[in-house]
């Protein structure tokens, strides 16, 4: 059974870098045909796709976030990570990690991140 769990600080100061990790169990992150994504949902707004890393390590990012976003993975820990730089209060959201092996999806439970001084 594939399970994902987000972790990271719940509070980040403005202008700093937000760093989150998604720990994966039940499948290796390098297993073919899998893609590993980060999404977020700000308060009272819809879900926003941020970016994805494939099983081969290639990445794609949302054009609106590309300049500030980096996604990577650590095969030794079976984790993938998100870094979002130069955060502002508008980056306050619940952040989710997701695994896709079409047509199946698995989601983490989400983690609240607040950007505030």
N, C-alpha and C. Protein backbone atom coordinates (compact mmCIF):
# COMPACT_ATOMS: atom_id res chain seq x y z
N UNK A 1 0.84 -1.19 0.00
CA UNK A 1 0.00 0.00 0.00
C UNK A 1 0.88 1.25 0.00
N UNK A 2 0.65 2.12 -0.95
CA UNK A 2 1.44 3.34 -1.07
C UNK A 2 0.93 4.38 -0.07
N UNK A 3 1.85 4.93 0.69
CA UNK A 3 1.51 5.98 1.65
C UNK A 3 2.50 7.12 1.52
N UNK A 4 2.01 8.34 1.70
CA UNK A 4 2.85 9.54 1.65
C UNK A 4 2.60 10.37 2.91
N UNK A 5 3.67 10.97 3.41
CA UNK A 5 3.56 11.79 4.61
C UNK A 5 4.43 13.03 4.47
N UNK A 6 3.78 14.19 4.52
CA UNK A 6 4.53 15.45 4.46
C UNK A 6 5.11 15.79 5.84
N UNK A 7 6.24 16.49 5.82
CA UNK A 7 6.82 16.98 7.06
C UNK A 7 7.58 18.25 6.78
N UNK A 8 7.69 19.09 7.80
CA UNK A 8 8.40 20.34 7.68
C UNK A 8 7.85 21.36 8.65
N UNK A 9 8.48 22.53 8.71
CA UNK A 9 8.04 23.55 9.65
C UNK A 9 6.67 24.10 9.30
N UNK A 10 5.89 24.39 10.31
CA UNK A 10 4.57 24.95 10.08
C UNK A 10 4.56 26.46 9.97
N UNK A 11 5.67 27.08 10.32
CA UNK A 11 5.77 28.53 10.29
C UNK A 11 7.09 28.93 9.63
N UNK A 12 6.99 29.80 8.65
CA UNK A 12 8.17 30.28 7.94
C UNK A 12 8.11 31.80 7.89
N UNK A 13 9.24 32.44 8.11
CA UNK A 13 9.29 33.90 8.07
C UNK A 13 9.31 34.40 6.63
N UNK A 14 8.73 35.56 6.39
CA UNK A 14 8.78 36.14 5.04
C UNK A 14 10.21 36.29 4.56
N UNK A 15 10.39 36.08 3.27
CA UNK A 15 11.66 36.15 2.54
C UNK A 15 12.52 34.91 2.72
N UNK A 16 12.13 34.01 3.60
CA UNK A 16 12.91 32.79 3.81
C UNK A 16 12.48 31.70 2.82
N UNK A 17 13.14 30.55 2.93
CA UNK A 17 12.84 29.43 2.05
C UNK A 17 12.02 28.38 2.80
N UNK A 18 10.90 28.02 2.19
CA UNK A 18 10.03 26.97 2.72
C UNK A 18 10.57 25.63 2.24
N UNK A 19 10.78 24.70 3.17
CA UNK A 19 11.29 23.37 2.81
C UNK A 19 10.39 22.30 3.40
N UNK A 20 9.88 21.44 2.54
CA UNK A 20 9.03 20.34 2.96
C UNK A 20 9.55 19.03 2.38
N UNK A 21 9.29 17.96 3.09
CA UNK A 21 9.70 16.63 2.66
C UNK A 21 8.49 15.71 2.64
N UNK A 22 8.45 14.84 1.66
CA UNK A 22 7.41 13.83 1.57
C UNK A 22 8.08 12.46 1.65
N UNK A 23 7.74 11.73 2.70
CA UNK A 23 8.28 10.39 2.88
C UNK A 23 7.32 9.38 2.27
N UNK A 24 7.86 8.53 1.41
CA UNK A 24 7.05 7.58 0.66
C UNK A 24 7.29 6.16 1.18
N UNK A 25 6.24 5.42 1.36
CA UNK A 25 6.35 4.01 1.71
C UNK A 25 5.46 3.19 0.79
N UNK A 26 5.85 1.96 0.60
CA UNK A 26 5.05 1.06 -0.22
C UNK A 26 5.49 0.96 -1.67
N UNK A 27 6.36 1.89 -2.10
CA UNK A 27 6.89 1.86 -3.46
C UNK A 27 8.16 2.70 -3.49
N UNK A 28 9.09 2.30 -4.33
CA UNK A 28 10.30 3.10 -4.49
C UNK A 28 10.03 4.30 -5.39
N UNK A 29 10.58 5.44 -5.06
CA UNK A 29 10.34 6.64 -5.85
C UNK A 29 10.98 6.57 -7.24
N UNK A 30 11.84 5.58 -7.46
CA UNK A 30 12.45 5.42 -8.78
C UNK A 30 11.74 4.36 -9.61
N UNK A 31 10.64 3.83 -9.10
CA UNK A 31 9.86 2.85 -9.85
C UNK A 31 9.31 3.50 -11.11
N UNK A 32 9.45 2.83 -12.23
CA UNK A 32 9.03 3.40 -13.50
C UNK A 32 7.55 3.75 -13.51
N UNK A 33 7.26 4.79 -14.29
CA UNK A 33 5.88 5.24 -14.54
C UNK A 33 5.26 5.95 -13.34
N UNK A 34 6.10 6.32 -12.38
CA UNK A 34 5.60 7.08 -11.25
C UNK A 34 6.06 8.53 -11.35
N UNK A 35 5.21 9.43 -10.91
CA UNK A 35 5.54 10.84 -10.83
C UNK A 35 5.15 11.36 -9.46
N UNK A 36 5.94 12.31 -8.98
CA UNK A 36 5.80 12.76 -7.59
C UNK A 36 5.62 14.28 -7.59
N UNK A 37 4.48 14.71 -7.08
CA UNK A 37 4.09 16.12 -7.22
C UNK A 37 3.92 16.81 -5.87
N UNK A 38 4.00 18.13 -5.96
CA UNK A 38 3.61 18.99 -4.85
C UNK A 38 2.47 19.90 -5.31
N UNK A 39 1.49 20.06 -4.45
CA UNK A 39 0.36 20.95 -4.68
C UNK A 39 0.09 21.70 -3.40
N UNK A 40 -0.68 22.78 -3.52
CA UNK A 40 -1.03 23.53 -2.33
C UNK A 40 -2.42 24.13 -2.47
N UNK A 41 -3.02 24.45 -1.33
CA UNK A 41 -4.32 25.09 -1.32
C UNK A 41 -4.31 26.22 -0.31
N UNK A 42 -4.24 27.47 -0.81
CA UNK A 42 -4.32 28.62 0.09
C UNK A 42 -5.73 28.73 0.70
N UNK A 43 -5.85 29.47 1.79
CA UNK A 43 -7.17 29.63 2.43
C UNK A 43 -8.20 30.17 1.46
N UNK A 44 -9.32 29.51 1.39
CA UNK A 44 -10.47 29.94 0.58
C UNK A 44 -10.15 30.02 -0.91
N UNK A 45 -9.16 29.27 -1.34
CA UNK A 45 -8.82 29.21 -2.77
C UNK A 45 -8.74 27.77 -3.23
N UNK A 46 -8.62 27.59 -4.51
CA UNK A 46 -8.56 26.26 -5.08
C UNK A 46 -7.18 25.64 -4.98
N UNK A 47 -7.12 24.37 -5.36
CA UNK A 47 -5.87 23.63 -5.34
C UNK A 47 -4.96 24.11 -6.47
N UNK A 48 -3.69 24.31 -6.15
CA UNK A 48 -2.71 24.78 -7.12
C UNK A 48 -1.60 23.75 -7.28
N UNK A 49 -1.37 23.34 -8.52
CA UNK A 49 -0.27 22.43 -8.81
C UNK A 49 1.03 23.22 -8.85
N UNK A 50 2.06 22.73 -8.16
CA UNK A 50 3.32 23.46 -8.08
C UNK A 50 4.42 22.88 -8.97
N UNK A 51 4.49 21.57 -9.02
CA UNK A 51 5.54 20.95 -9.82
C UNK A 51 5.58 19.46 -9.59
N UNK A 52 6.43 18.79 -10.38
CA UNK A 52 6.52 17.34 -10.34
C UNK A 52 7.94 16.89 -10.65
N UNK A 53 8.31 15.76 -10.07
CA UNK A 53 9.57 15.10 -10.41
C UNK A 53 9.24 13.68 -10.84
N UNK A 54 9.82 13.28 -11.96
CA UNK A 54 9.56 11.95 -12.46
C UNK A 54 10.48 10.92 -11.84
N UNK A 55 10.20 9.64 -12.16
CA UNK A 55 11.01 8.57 -11.59
C UNK A 55 12.45 8.62 -12.06
N UNK A 56 12.69 9.37 -13.16
CA UNK A 56 14.06 9.52 -13.67
C UNK A 56 14.72 10.81 -13.18
N UNK A 57 14.03 11.55 -12.33
CA UNK A 57 14.61 12.76 -11.77
C UNK A 57 14.32 14.04 -12.54
N UNK A 58 13.67 13.93 -13.69
CA UNK A 58 13.33 15.14 -14.43
C UNK A 58 12.21 15.89 -13.72
N UNK A 59 12.27 17.22 -13.84
CA UNK A 59 11.30 18.06 -13.13
C UNK A 59 10.57 18.99 -14.08
N UNK A 60 9.36 19.34 -13.68
CA UNK A 60 8.55 20.33 -14.37
C UNK A 60 7.87 21.19 -13.30
N UNK A 61 7.78 22.48 -13.58
CA UNK A 61 7.23 23.40 -12.59
C UNK A 61 6.13 24.26 -13.18
N UNK A 62 5.25 24.70 -12.29
CA UNK A 62 4.25 25.67 -12.69
C UNK A 62 4.96 26.94 -13.16
N UNK A 63 4.57 27.49 -14.30
CA UNK A 63 5.24 28.71 -14.80
C UNK A 63 5.20 29.85 -13.78
N UNK A 64 4.13 29.94 -13.03
CA UNK A 64 4.01 31.06 -12.09
C UNK A 64 4.91 30.90 -10.88
N UNK A 65 5.41 29.70 -10.62
CA UNK A 65 6.25 29.43 -9.45
C UNK A 65 7.65 28.99 -9.82
N UNK A 66 7.91 28.83 -11.09
CA UNK A 66 9.16 28.20 -11.54
C UNK A 66 10.41 28.88 -11.00
N UNK A 67 10.38 30.21 -10.94
CA UNK A 67 11.58 30.92 -10.52
C UNK A 67 11.90 30.72 -9.04
N UNK A 68 10.93 30.24 -8.27
CA UNK A 68 11.13 30.11 -6.82
C UNK A 68 11.08 28.66 -6.33
N UNK A 69 10.83 27.71 -7.22
CA UNK A 69 10.54 26.34 -6.79
C UNK A 69 11.63 25.36 -7.22
N UNK A 70 11.91 24.42 -6.33
CA UNK A 70 12.82 23.33 -6.65
C UNK A 70 12.29 22.05 -6.00
N UNK A 71 12.22 21.00 -6.80
CA UNK A 71 11.81 19.69 -6.30
C UNK A 71 12.93 18.70 -6.58
N UNK A 72 13.23 17.89 -5.58
CA UNK A 72 14.30 16.90 -5.72
C UNK A 72 13.90 15.65 -4.96
N UNK A 73 14.68 14.59 -5.16
CA UNK A 73 14.43 13.40 -4.35
C UNK A 73 15.72 12.80 -3.81
N UNK A 74 15.54 12.04 -2.74
CA UNK A 74 16.63 11.35 -2.06
C UNK A 74 16.29 9.86 -2.09
N UNK A 75 16.95 9.14 -2.98
CA UNK A 75 16.60 7.73 -3.14
C UNK A 75 16.97 6.91 -1.91
N UNK A 76 18.00 7.33 -1.19
CA UNK A 76 18.41 6.56 -0.01
C UNK A 76 17.37 6.61 1.10
N UNK A 77 16.58 7.68 1.11
CA UNK A 77 15.55 7.83 2.13
C UNK A 77 14.15 7.62 1.58
N UNK A 78 14.06 7.41 0.27
CA UNK A 78 12.75 7.28 -0.40
C UNK A 78 11.86 8.48 -0.09
N UNK A 79 12.45 9.65 -0.27
CA UNK A 79 11.76 10.91 0.00
C UNK A 79 11.91 11.84 -1.20
N UNK A 80 10.92 12.72 -1.36
CA UNK A 80 11.12 13.83 -2.27
C UNK A 80 10.76 15.13 -1.56
N UNK A 81 11.36 16.21 -2.02
CA UNK A 81 11.32 17.45 -1.26
C UNK A 81 10.92 18.64 -2.13
N UNK A 82 10.40 19.63 -1.45
CA UNK A 82 10.02 20.90 -2.07
C UNK A 82 10.76 22.03 -1.39
N UNK A 83 11.31 22.92 -2.19
CA UNK A 83 11.85 24.16 -1.66
C UNK A 83 11.21 25.31 -2.42
N UNK A 84 10.68 26.25 -1.68
CA UNK A 84 10.05 27.45 -2.25
C UNK A 84 10.73 28.66 -1.62
N UNK A 85 11.42 29.43 -2.43
CA UNK A 85 12.22 30.53 -1.90
C UNK A 85 11.44 31.84 -1.87
N UNK A 86 11.98 32.77 -1.14
CA UNK A 86 11.45 34.14 -1.06
C UNK A 86 9.95 34.15 -0.77
N UNK A 87 9.55 33.45 0.25
CA UNK A 87 8.12 33.31 0.53
C UNK A 87 7.53 34.61 1.06
N UNK A 88 6.24 34.78 0.80
CA UNK A 88 5.45 35.89 1.31
C UNK A 88 4.21 35.31 1.99
N UNK A 89 3.44 36.15 2.68
CA UNK A 89 2.20 35.63 3.29
C UNK A 89 1.26 34.97 2.28
N UNK A 90 1.36 35.32 1.01
CA UNK A 90 0.52 34.69 -0.02
C UNK A 90 0.88 33.23 -0.25
N UNK A 91 2.01 32.80 0.27
CA UNK A 91 2.39 31.38 0.16
C UNK A 91 1.82 30.55 1.31
N UNK A 92 1.08 31.17 2.20
CA UNK A 92 0.40 30.44 3.27
C UNK A 92 -0.63 29.49 2.65
N UNK A 93 -0.54 28.21 3.02
CA UNK A 93 -1.41 27.22 2.39
C UNK A 93 -1.25 25.88 3.09
N UNK A 94 -2.14 24.97 2.75
CA UNK A 94 -1.93 23.56 3.07
C UNK A 94 -1.19 22.95 1.88
N UNK A 95 -0.07 22.34 2.14
CA UNK A 95 0.78 21.76 1.10
C UNK A 95 0.60 20.24 1.09
N UNK A 96 0.44 19.70 -0.12
CA UNK A 96 0.21 18.27 -0.29
C UNK A 96 1.27 17.67 -1.21
N UNK A 97 1.68 16.45 -0.91
CA UNK A 97 2.45 15.68 -1.87
C UNK A 97 1.54 14.59 -2.44
N UNK A 98 1.86 14.21 -3.66
CA UNK A 98 1.00 13.27 -4.38
C UNK A 98 1.86 12.36 -5.26
N UNK A 99 1.44 11.12 -5.33
CA UNK A 99 2.07 10.14 -6.23
C UNK A 99 1.05 9.78 -7.31
N UNK A 100 1.54 9.71 -8.53
CA UNK A 100 0.68 9.29 -9.63
C UNK A 100 1.34 8.16 -10.39
N UNK A 101 0.59 7.11 -10.56
CA UNK A 101 0.90 6.08 -11.54
C UNK A 101 -0.42 5.85 -12.26
N UNK A 102 -0.53 6.55 -13.37
CA UNK A 102 -1.82 6.64 -14.06
C UNK A 102 -2.51 5.28 -14.17
N UNK A 103 -3.81 5.19 -13.80
CA UNK A 103 -4.69 6.27 -13.35
C UNK A 103 -4.78 6.43 -11.82
N UNK A 104 -3.89 5.78 -11.12
CA UNK A 104 -3.97 5.80 -9.66
C UNK A 104 -3.27 7.03 -9.09
N UNK A 105 -3.81 7.55 -7.99
CA UNK A 105 -3.21 8.65 -7.26
C UNK A 105 -3.19 8.32 -5.77
N UNK A 106 -2.14 8.76 -5.12
CA UNK A 106 -2.05 8.64 -3.67
C UNK A 106 -1.63 10.00 -3.12
N UNK A 107 -2.29 10.44 -2.06
CA UNK A 107 -2.05 11.76 -1.51
C UNK A 107 -1.56 11.65 -0.07
N UNK A 108 -0.71 12.59 0.31
CA UNK A 108 -0.43 12.79 1.71
C UNK A 108 -1.60 13.51 2.36
N UNK A 109 -1.58 13.58 3.68
CA UNK A 109 -2.69 14.20 4.40
C UNK A 109 -2.64 15.72 4.34
N UNK A 110 -1.52 16.26 3.93
CA UNK A 110 -1.37 17.72 3.85
C UNK A 110 -0.75 18.28 5.12
N UNK A 111 -0.04 19.38 4.95
CA UNK A 111 0.57 20.05 6.09
C UNK A 111 0.38 21.56 5.95
N UNK A 112 -0.05 22.19 7.01
CA UNK A 112 -0.28 23.62 7.00
C UNK A 112 1.04 24.36 7.14
N UNK A 113 1.27 25.30 6.26
CA UNK A 113 2.44 26.18 6.36
C UNK A 113 1.94 27.62 6.37
N UNK A 114 2.34 28.34 7.37
CA UNK A 114 1.97 29.75 7.50
C UNK A 114 3.22 30.60 7.35
N UNK A 115 3.13 31.61 6.52
CA UNK A 115 4.23 32.55 6.34
C UNK A 115 3.90 33.81 7.12
N UNK A 116 4.68 34.06 8.15
CA UNK A 116 4.41 35.19 9.03
C UNK A 116 5.65 35.50 9.84
N UNK A 117 5.78 36.77 10.18
CA UNK A 117 6.88 37.16 11.06
C UNK A 117 6.43 37.12 12.52
